[in-house]
All heavy atoms as atom14 arrays in JSON, in Angstrom:
{
  "sequence": "TEWFSYQTQKDLRLGEPLSIERGSYLFEYQNWRIRVRKNQVE",
  "atom14_mask": [
    [1, 1, 1, 1, 1, 1, 1, 0, 0, 0, 0, 0, 0, 0],
    [1, 1, 1, 1, 1, 1, 1, 1, 1, 0, 0, 0, 0, 0],
    [1, 1, 1, 1, 1, 1, 1, 1, 1, 1, 1, 1, 1, 1],
    [1, 1, 1, 1, 1, 1, 1, 1, 1, 1, 1, 0, 0, 0],
    [1, 1, 1, 1, 1, 1, 0, 0, 0, 0, 0, 0, 0, 0],
    [1, 1, 1, 1, 1, 1, 1, 1, 1, 1, 1, 1, 0, 0],
    [1, 1, 1, 1, 1, 1, 1, 1, 1, 0, 0, 0, 0, 0],
    [1, 1, 1, 1, 1, 1, 1, 0, 0, 0, 0, 0, 0, 0],
    [1, 1, 1, 1, 1, 1, 1, 1, 1, 0, 0, 0, 0, 0],
    [1, 1, 1, 1, 1, 1, 1, 1, 1, 0, 0, 0, 0, 0],
    [1, 1, 1, 1, 1, 1, 1, 1, 0, 0, 0, 0, 0, 0],
    [1, 1, 1, 1, 1, 1, 1, 1, 0, 0, 0, 0, 0, 0],
    [1, 1, 1, 1, 1, 1, 1, 1, 1, 1, 1, 0, 0, 0],
    [1, 1, 1, 1, 1, 1, 1, 1, 0, 0, 0, 0, 0, 0],
    [1, 1, 1, 1, 0, 0, 0, 0, 0, 0, 0, 0, 0, 0],
    [1, 1, 1, 1, 1, 1, 1, 1, 1, 0, 0, 0, 0, 0],
    [1, 1, 1, 1, 1, 1, 1, 0, 0, 0, 0, 0, 0, 0],
    [1, 1, 1, 1, 1, 1, 1, 1, 0, 0, 0, 0, 0, 0],
    [1, 1, 1, 1, 1, 1, 0, 0, 0, 0, 0, 0, 0, 0],
    [1, 1, 1, 1, 1, 1, 1, 1, 0, 0, 0, 0, 0, 0],
    [1, 1, 1, 1, 1, 1, 1, 1, 1, 0, 0, 0, 0, 0],
    [1, 1, 1, 1, 1, 1, 1, 1, 1, 1, 1, 0, 0, 0],
    [1, 1, 1, 1, 0, 0, 0, 0, 0, 0, 0, 0, 0, 0],
    [1, 1, 1, 1, 1, 1, 0, 0, 0, 0, 0, 0, 0, 0],
    [1, 1, 1, 1, 1, 1, 1, 1, 1, 1, 1, 1, 0, 0],
    [1, 1, 1, 1, 1, 1, 1, 1, 0, 0, 0, 0, 0, 0],
    [1, 1, 1, 1, 1, 1, 1, 1, 1, 1, 1, 0, 0, 0],
    [1, 1, 1, 1, 1, 1, 1, 1, 1, 0, 0, 0, 0, 0],
    [1, 1, 1, 1, 1, 1, 1, 1, 1, 1, 1, 1, 0, 0],
    [1, 1, 1, 1, 1, 1, 1, 1, 1, 0, 0, 0, 0, 0],
    [1, 1, 1, 1, 1, 1, 1, 1, 0, 0, 0, 0, 0, 0],
    [1, 1, 1, 1, 1, 1, 1, 1, 1, 1, 1, 1, 1, 1],
    [1, 1, 1, 1, 1, 1, 1, 1, 1, 1, 1, 0, 0, 0],
    [1, 1, 1, 1, 1, 1, 1, 1, 0, 0, 0, 0, 0, 0],
    [1, 1, 1, 1, 1, 1, 1, 1, 1, 1, 1, 0, 0, 0],
    [1, 1, 1, 1, 1, 1, 1, 0, 0, 0, 0, 0, 0, 0],
    [1, 1, 1, 1, 1, 1, 1, 1, 1, 1, 1, 0, 0, 0],
    [1, 1, 1, 1, 1, 1, 1, 1, 1, 0, 0, 0, 0, 0],
    [1, 1, 1, 1, 1, 1, 1, 1, 0, 0, 0, 0, 0, 0],
    [1, 1, 1, 1, 1, 1, 1, 1, 1, 0, 0, 0, 0, 0],
    [1, 1, 1, 1, 1, 1, 1, 0, 0, 0, 0, 0, 0, 0],
    [1, 1, 1, 1, 1, 1, 1, 1, 1, 0, 0, 0, 0, 0]
  ],
  "atom14_positions": [
    [[142.71, 184.4, 154.84], [141.25, 184.24, 154.89], [140.64, 183.82, 153.55], [139.44, 183.65, 153.47], [140.6, 185.58, 155.31], [141.02, 186.59, 154.4], [141.0, 185.95, 156.71], [0.0, 0.0, 0.0], [0.0, 0.0, 0.0], [0.0, 0.0, 0.0], [0.0, 0.0, 0.0], [0.0, 0.0, 0.0], [0.0, 0.0, 0.0], [0.0, 0.0, 0.0]],
    [[141.45, 183.65, 152.52], [140.92, 183.33, 151.18], [140.82, 181.83, 150.94], [141.53, 181.26, 150.12], [141.78, 184.0, 150.1], [141.64, 185.49, 150.07], [142.47, 186.14, 148.97], [143.38, 185.49, 148.42], [142.21, 187.31, 148.68], [0.0, 0.0, 0.0], [0.0, 0.0, 0.0], [0.0, 0.0, 0.0], [0.0, 0.0, 0.0], [0.0, 0.0, 0.0]],
    [[139.92, 181.2, 151.66], [139.64, 179.77, 151.49], [138.4, 179.62, 150.62], [137.49, 180.43, 150.69], [139.39, 179.12, 152.84], [140.62, 179.02, 153.69], [141.08, 179.96, 154.56], [141.53, 177.93, 153.76], [142.23, 179.53, 155.17], [142.52, 178.27, 154.7], [141.6, 176.69, 153.13], [143.57, 177.43, 155.02], [142.64, 175.85, 153.45], [143.61, 176.22, 154.38]],
    [[138.35, 178.59, 149.81], [137.13, 178.31, 149.05], [136.91, 176.81, 148.95], [137.82, 176.0, 149.11], [137.16, 178.97, 147.66], [138.26, 178.5, 146.75], [138.06, 177.47, 145.85], [139.52, 179.09, 146.79], [139.08, 177.04, 145.02], [140.54, 178.68, 145.96], [140.32, 177.64, 145.07], [0.0, 0.0, 0.0], [0.0, 0.0, 0.0], [0.0, 0.0, 0.0]],
    [[135.65, 176.44, 148.71], [135.28, 175.03, 148.63], [135.63, 174.48, 147.26], [135.51, 175.17, 146.25], [133.78, 174.91, 148.88], [133.41, 173.56, 148.91], [0.0, 0.0, 0.0], [0.0, 0.0, 0.0], [0.0, 0.0, 0.0], [0.0, 0.0, 0.0], [0.0, 0.0, 0.0], [0.0, 0.0, 0.0], [0.0, 0.0, 0.0], [0.0, 0.0, 0.0]],
    [[136.05, 173.23, 147.22], [136.5, 172.6, 145.98], [136.2, 171.11, 146.05], [136.27, 170.51, 147.13], [138.0, 172.84, 145.82], [138.62, 172.26, 144.58], [138.42, 172.84, 143.34], [139.42, 171.13, 144.66], [138.99, 172.31, 142.2], [140.0, 170.59, 143.52], [139.78, 171.19, 142.3], [140.35, 170.65, 141.17], [0.0, 0.0, 0.0], [0.0, 0.0, 0.0]],
    [[135.86, 170.52, 144.93], [135.67, 169.07, 144.86], [136.85, 168.48, 144.12], [137.14, 168.9, 143.0], [134.36, 168.75, 144.15], [133.99, 167.29, 144.25], [132.57, 167.04, 143.78], [131.91, 167.93, 143.28], [132.1, 165.84, 143.96], [0.0, 0.0, 0.0], [0.0, 0.0, 0.0], [0.0, 0.0, 0.0], [0.0, 0.0, 0.0], [0.0, 0.0, 0.0]],
    [[137.54, 167.53, 144.73], [138.76, 166.99, 144.13], [138.46, 166.31, 142.79], [137.44, 165.65, 142.63], [139.45, 165.98, 145.07], [138.54, 164.95, 145.4], [139.94, 166.66, 146.33], [0.0, 0.0, 0.0], [0.0, 0.0, 0.0], [0.0, 0.0, 0.0], [0.0, 0.0, 0.0], [0.0, 0.0, 0.0], [0.0, 0.0, 0.0], [0.0, 0.0, 0.0]],
    [[139.34, 166.51, 141.83], [139.18, 165.98, 140.48], [139.91, 164.65, 140.28], [139.74, 164.0, 139.26], [139.71, 167.0, 139.46], [139.01, 168.34, 139.52], [137.54, 168.22, 139.2], [137.17, 167.66, 138.17], [136.7, 168.72, 140.08], [0.0, 0.0, 0.0], [0.0, 0.0, 0.0], [0.0, 0.0, 0.0], [0.0, 0.0, 0.0], [0.0, 0.0, 0.0]],
    [[140.74, 164.29, 141.26], [141.46, 163.02, 141.17], [141.77, 162.55, 142.59], [141.64, 163.31, 143.55], [142.76, 163.18, 140.37], [143.76, 164.15, 140.96], [145.0, 164.25, 140.11], [146.02, 165.15, 140.78], [147.26, 165.21, 140.03], [0.0, 0.0, 0.0], [0.0, 0.0, 0.0], [0.0, 0.0, 0.0], [0.0, 0.0, 0.0], [0.0, 0.0, 0.0]],
    [[142.18, 161.29, 142.72], [142.61, 160.77, 144.01], [143.89, 161.49, 144.42], [144.76, 161.71, 143.59], [142.88, 159.27, 143.92], [141.62, 158.45, 143.66], [140.51, 158.98, 143.85], [141.77, 157.28, 143.29], [0.0, 0.0, 0.0], [0.0, 0.0, 0.0], [0.0, 0.0, 0.0], [0.0, 0.0, 0.0], [0.0, 0.0, 0.0], [0.0, 0.0, 0.0]],
    [[143.99, 161.86, 145.68], [145.18, 162.56, 146.16], [145.87, 161.72, 147.23], [145.23, 161.23, 148.16], [144.82, 163.91, 146.78], [144.22, 164.96, 145.86], [143.88, 166.21, 146.67], [145.18, 165.3, 144.75], [0.0, 0.0, 0.0], [0.0, 0.0, 0.0], [0.0, 0.0, 0.0], [0.0, 0.0, 0.0], [0.0, 0.0, 0.0], [0.0, 0.0, 0.0]],
    [[147.17, 161.57, 147.1], [147.98, 160.93, 148.13], [148.8, 162.05, 148.79], [149.55, 162.74, 148.11], [148.89, 159.87, 147.51], [149.61, 159.07, 148.55], [150.49, 158.02, 147.91], [150.59, 156.9, 148.82], [150.09, 155.7, 148.61], [149.48, 155.44, 147.49], [150.22, 154.77, 149.51], [0.0, 0.0, 0.0], [0.0, 0.0, 0.0], [0.0, 0.0, 0.0]],
    [[148.62, 162.21, 150.07], [149.22, 163.32, 150.8], [150.15, 162.81, 151.88], [149.98, 161.7, 152.38], [148.13, 164.18, 151.44], [147.08, 164.72, 150.46], [145.86, 165.2, 151.22], [147.66, 165.82, 149.61], [0.0, 0.0, 0.0], [0.0, 0.0, 0.0], [0.0, 0.0, 0.0], [0.0, 0.0, 0.0], [0.0, 0.0, 0.0], [0.0, 0.0, 0.0]],
    [[151.11, 163.63, 152.26], [152.04, 163.28, 153.34], [151.42, 163.54, 154.7], [150.21, 163.5, 154.86], [0.0, 0.0, 0.0], [0.0, 0.0, 0.0], [0.0, 0.0, 0.0], [0.0, 0.0, 0.0], [0.0, 0.0, 0.0], [0.0, 0.0, 0.0], [0.0, 0.0, 0.0], [0.0, 0.0, 0.0], [0.0, 0.0, 0.0], [0.0, 0.0, 0.0]],
    [[152.25, 163.82, 155.65], [151.79, 164.12, 157.01], [151.02, 165.44, 157.02], [151.39, 166.39, 156.32], [152.98, 164.24, 157.96], [153.63, 162.93, 158.28], [152.76, 162.03, 159.13], [152.12, 162.51, 160.08], [152.72, 160.83, 158.82], [0.0, 0.0, 0.0], [0.0, 0.0, 0.0], [0.0, 0.0, 0.0], [0.0, 0.0, 0.0], [0.0, 0.0, 0.0]],
    [[149.96, 165.54, 157.82], [149.24, 166.81, 157.92], [150.1, 167.88, 158.61], [150.9, 167.55, 159.49], [148.0, 166.47, 158.75], [148.33, 165.19, 159.44], [149.36, 164.49, 158.63], [0.0, 0.0, 0.0], [0.0, 0.0, 0.0], [0.0, 0.0, 0.0], [0.0, 0.0, 0.0], [0.0, 0.0, 0.0], [0.0, 0.0, 0.0], [0.0, 0.0, 0.0]],
    [[149.92, 169.12, 158.2], [150.61, 170.23, 158.86], [150.05, 170.43, 160.26], [150.77, 170.76, 161.19], [150.45, 171.52, 158.05], [151.02, 171.49, 156.63], [150.66, 172.77, 155.91], [152.52, 171.3, 156.66], [0.0, 0.0, 0.0], [0.0, 0.0, 0.0], [0.0, 0.0, 0.0], [0.0, 0.0, 0.0], [0.0, 0.0, 0.0], [0.0, 0.0, 0.0]],
    [[148.73, 170.25, 160.38], [148.1, 170.35, 161.69], [146.8, 169.57, 161.71], [146.23, 169.25, 160.66], [147.84, 171.82, 162.07], [146.86, 172.36, 161.24], [0.0, 0.0, 0.0], [0.0, 0.0, 0.0], [0.0, 0.0, 0.0], [0.0, 0.0, 0.0], [0.0, 0.0, 0.0], [0.0, 0.0, 0.0], [0.0, 0.0, 0.0], [0.0, 0.0, 0.0]],
    [[146.35, 169.29, 162.92], [145.08, 168.61, 163.14], [144.27, 169.52, 164.04], [144.71, 169.88, 165.13], [145.3, 167.24, 163.81], [146.19, 166.37, 162.93], [143.97, 166.56, 164.09], [146.66, 165.09, 163.6], [0.0, 0.0, 0.0], [0.0, 0.0, 0.0], [0.0, 0.0, 0.0], [0.0, 0.0, 0.0], [0.0, 0.0, 0.0], [0.0, 0.0, 0.0]],
    [[143.11, 169.96, 163.56], [142.34, 170.93, 164.32], [140.85, 170.63, 164.24], [140.33, 170.39, 163.16], [142.6, 172.36, 163.81], [143.18, 172.4, 162.42], [143.37, 173.76, 161.84], [142.4, 174.25, 161.24], [144.46, 174.29, 161.97], [0.0, 0.0, 0.0], [0.0, 0.0, 0.0], [0.0, 0.0, 0.0], [0.0, 0.0, 0.0], [0.0, 0.0, 0.0]],
    [[140.2, 170.62, 165.37], [138.74, 170.48, 165.48], [138.11, 169.56, 164.44], [137.22, 169.96, 163.7], [138.08, 171.85, 165.38], [138.37, 172.72, 166.57], [137.71, 174.05, 166.43], [138.16, 174.67, 165.18], [137.55, 175.68, 164.6], [136.48, 176.19, 165.11], [138.01, 176.17, 163.48], [0.0, 0.0, 0.0], [0.0, 0.0, 0.0], [0.0, 0.0, 0.0]],
    [[138.57, 168.34, 164.34], [137.95, 167.39, 163.44], [138.38, 167.48, 162.0], [137.74, 166.89, 161.12], [0.0, 0.0, 0.0], [0.0, 0.0, 0.0], [0.0, 0.0, 0.0], [0.0, 0.0, 0.0], [0.0, 0.0, 0.0], [0.0, 0.0, 0.0], [0.0, 0.0, 0.0], [0.0, 0.0, 0.0], [0.0, 0.0, 0.0], [0.0, 0.0, 0.0]],
    [[139.44, 168.22, 161.7], [139.91, 168.3, 160.32], [141.43, 168.26, 160.27], [142.11, 168.58, 161.24], [139.39, 169.57, 159.64], [139.98, 170.72, 160.21], [0.0, 0.0, 0.0], [0.0, 0.0, 0.0], [0.0, 0.0, 0.0], [0.0, 0.0, 0.0], [0.0, 0.0, 0.0], [0.0, 0.0, 0.0], [0.0, 0.0, 0.0], [0.0, 0.0, 0.0]],
    [[141.92, 167.85, 159.12], [143.35, 167.84, 158.85], [143.68, 168.99, 157.92], [142.89, 169.34, 157.05], [143.77, 166.56, 158.12], [143.77, 165.3, 158.96], [142.94, 164.25, 158.62], [144.62, 165.16, 160.05], [142.96, 163.07, 159.36], [144.64, 163.99, 160.79], [143.8, 162.95, 160.44], [143.81, 161.79, 161.16], [0.0, 0.0, 0.0], [0.0, 0.0, 0.0]],
    [[144.87, 169.56, 158.08], [145.37, 170.59, 157.17], [146.61, 170.02, 156.48], [147.58, 169.64, 157.15], [145.73, 171.86, 157.93], [146.31, 173.0, 157.1], [145.27, 173.52, 156.1], [146.81, 174.12, 157.98], [0.0, 0.0, 0.0], [0.0, 0.0, 0.0], [0.0, 0.0, 0.0], [0.0, 0.0, 0.0], [0.0, 0.0, 0.0], [0.0, 0.0, 0.0]],
    [[146.56, 169.94, 155.15], [147.66, 169.4, 154.36], [148.22, 170.47, 153.42], [147.54, 171.45, 153.13], [147.17, 168.25, 153.47], [146.76, 167.02, 154.21], [145.42, 166.75, 154.45], [147.7, 166.11, 154.65], [145.03, 165.61, 155.11], [147.32, 164.96, 155.31], [145.98, 164.7, 155.54], [0.0, 0.0, 0.0], [0.0, 0.0, 0.0], [0.0, 0.0, 0.0]],
    [[149.43, 170.24, 152.95], [149.99, 171.06, 151.88], [150.19, 170.15, 150.67], [150.72, 169.05, 150.79], [151.33, 171.67, 152.3], [151.86, 172.61, 151.23], [153.04, 173.44, 151.71], [153.3, 173.48, 152.92], [153.69, 174.03, 150.86], [0.0, 0.0, 0.0], [0.0, 0.0, 0.0], [0.0, 0.0, 0.0], [0.0, 0.0, 0.0], [0.0, 0.0, 0.0]],
    [[149.72, 170.6, 149.51], [149.84, 169.84, 148.27], [150.18, 170.79, 147.14], [149.37, 171.66, 146.81], [148.52, 169.1, 147.98], [148.53, 168.25, 146.73], [149.19, 167.03, 146.71], [147.89, 168.67, 145.58], [149.21, 166.24, 145.57], [147.9, 167.89, 144.43], [148.56, 166.67, 144.44], [148.57, 165.9, 143.31], [0.0, 0.0, 0.0], [0.0, 0.0, 0.0]],
    [[151.36, 170.7, 146.58], [151.84, 171.57, 145.51], [151.64, 173.05, 145.87], [151.11, 173.84, 145.1], [151.13, 171.24, 144.19], [151.45, 169.84, 143.71], [150.73, 169.48, 142.44], [149.86, 170.21, 141.97], [151.09, 168.35, 141.88], [0.0, 0.0, 0.0], [0.0, 0.0, 0.0], [0.0, 0.0, 0.0], [0.0, 0.0, 0.0], [0.0, 0.0, 0.0]],
    [[152.05, 173.4, 147.09], [151.95, 174.76, 147.65], [150.52, 175.22, 147.94], [150.32, 176.35, 148.34], [152.67, 175.79, 146.78], [154.17, 175.62, 146.85], [154.7, 175.11, 147.83], [154.86, 176.03, 145.81], [0.0, 0.0, 0.0], [0.0, 0.0, 0.0], [0.0, 0.0, 0.0], [0.0, 0.0, 0.0], [0.0, 0.0, 0.0], [0.0, 0.0, 0.0]],
    [[149.53, 174.4, 147.71], [148.15, 174.71, 148.09], [147.92, 174.16, 149.49], [148.48, 173.13, 149.86], [147.16, 174.05, 147.13], [147.09, 174.68, 145.78], [148.1, 174.75, 144.87], [145.97, 175.32, 145.19], [147.67, 175.38, 143.75], [146.37, 175.75, 143.91], [144.68, 175.57, 145.61], [145.51, 176.42, 143.05], [143.82, 176.22, 144.75], [144.24, 176.65, 143.5]],
    [[147.09, 174.83, 150.25], [146.68, 174.33, 151.56], [145.32, 173.66, 151.39], [144.43, 174.23, 150.76], [146.56, 175.46, 152.58], [147.88, 176.17, 152.84], [148.87, 175.23, 153.51], [150.19, 175.82, 153.57], [150.8, 176.14, 154.7], [150.21, 175.93, 155.84], [152.0, 176.64, 154.66], [0.0, 0.0, 0.0], [0.0, 0.0, 0.0], [0.0, 0.0, 0.0]],
    [[145.18, 172.47, 151.93], [143.94, 171.71, 151.8], [143.45, 171.35, 153.2], [144.18, 170.74, 153.97], [144.17, 170.41, 150.99], [144.65, 170.73, 149.59], [142.89, 169.57, 150.96], [145.03, 169.5, 148.78], [0.0, 0.0, 0.0], [0.0, 0.0, 0.0], [0.0, 0.0, 0.0], [0.0, 0.0, 0.0], [0.0, 0.0, 0.0], [0.0, 0.0, 0.0]],
    [[142.22, 171.73, 153.51], [141.6, 171.36, 154.78], [140.49, 170.36, 154.47], [139.64, 170.61, 153.62], [141.03, 172.58, 155.49], [140.47, 172.23, 156.86], [140.02, 173.45, 157.63], [141.18, 174.25, 158.01], [141.21, 175.57, 157.93], [140.2, 176.26, 157.48], [142.29, 176.22, 158.32], [0.0, 0.0, 0.0], [0.0, 0.0, 0.0], [0.0, 0.0, 0.0]],
    [[140.52, 169.23, 155.16], [139.54, 168.18, 154.89], [139.12, 167.55, 156.22], [139.91, 167.45, 157.16], [140.13, 167.12, 153.91], [141.35, 166.46, 154.49], [139.09, 166.09, 153.5], [0.0, 0.0, 0.0], [0.0, 0.0, 0.0], [0.0, 0.0, 0.0], [0.0, 0.0, 0.0], [0.0, 0.0, 0.0], [0.0, 0.0, 0.0], [0.0, 0.0, 0.0]],
    [[137.85, 167.15, 156.3], [137.35, 166.51, 157.52], [138.03, 165.16, 157.74], [138.32, 164.44, 156.8], [135.83, 166.33, 157.45], [135.09, 167.65, 157.55], [133.61, 167.44, 157.74], [132.99, 166.72, 156.63], [132.44, 167.31, 155.58], [132.42, 168.61, 155.49], [131.89, 166.59, 154.63], [0.0, 0.0, 0.0], [0.0, 0.0, 0.0], [0.0, 0.0, 0.0]],
    [[138.24, 164.83, 159.0], [138.94, 163.58, 159.35], [138.25, 162.35, 158.78], [138.91, 161.41, 158.38], [139.03, 163.44, 160.87], [140.08, 164.3, 161.49], [140.17, 164.01, 162.98], [141.2, 164.88, 163.63], [141.3, 164.64, 165.07], [0.0, 0.0, 0.0], [0.0, 0.0, 0.0], [0.0, 0.0, 0.0], [0.0, 0.0, 0.0], [0.0, 0.0, 0.0]],
    [[136.92, 162.34, 158.74], [136.22, 161.14, 158.29], [136.29, 160.95, 156.78], [135.81, 159.96, 156.25], [134.77, 161.14, 158.77], [133.95, 162.28, 158.19], [134.49, 163.18, 157.56], [132.66, 162.24, 158.41], [0.0, 0.0, 0.0], [0.0, 0.0, 0.0], [0.0, 0.0, 0.0], [0.0, 0.0, 0.0], [0.0, 0.0, 0.0], [0.0, 0.0, 0.0]],
    [[136.92, 161.89, 156.04], [137.06, 161.76, 154.6], [138.48, 161.42, 154.18], [138.79, 161.39, 153.01], [136.62, 163.05, 153.92], [135.14, 163.33, 154.1], [134.72, 164.6, 153.42], [135.35, 165.63, 153.56], [133.65, 164.52, 152.68], [0.0, 0.0, 0.0], [0.0, 0.0, 0.0], [0.0, 0.0, 0.0], [0.0, 0.0, 0.0], [0.0, 0.0, 0.0]],
    [[139.33, 161.14, 155.16], [140.73, 160.83, 154.89], [141.0, 159.39, 155.32], [140.54, 158.95, 156.36], [141.65, 161.79, 155.7], [143.11, 161.43, 155.52], [141.4, 163.22, 155.28], [0.0, 0.0, 0.0], [0.0, 0.0, 0.0], [0.0, 0.0, 0.0], [0.0, 0.0, 0.0], [0.0, 0.0, 0.0], [0.0, 0.0, 0.0], [0.0, 0.0, 0.0]],
    [[141.74, 158.67, 154.49], [142.14, 157.3, 154.82], [143.66, 157.25, 154.94], [144.35, 157.98, 154.24], [141.77, 156.33, 153.7], [140.31, 156.17, 153.42], [140.09, 155.22, 152.25], [140.77, 154.18, 152.19], [139.25, 155.53, 151.41], [0.0, 0.0, 0.0], [0.0, 0.0, 0.0], [0.0, 0.0, 0.0], [0.0, 0.0, 0.0], [0.0, 0.0, 0.0]]
  ]
}
């Protein structure tokens, strides 16, 4: 339950999402979990 909002400090290139849920992607990046809205991912 310990999620917090963050603004990325650099461009991130990510692999496949761990899951796709209700309009957002869940990624893993350097052992961090990142949830981002689909319309903000290319």
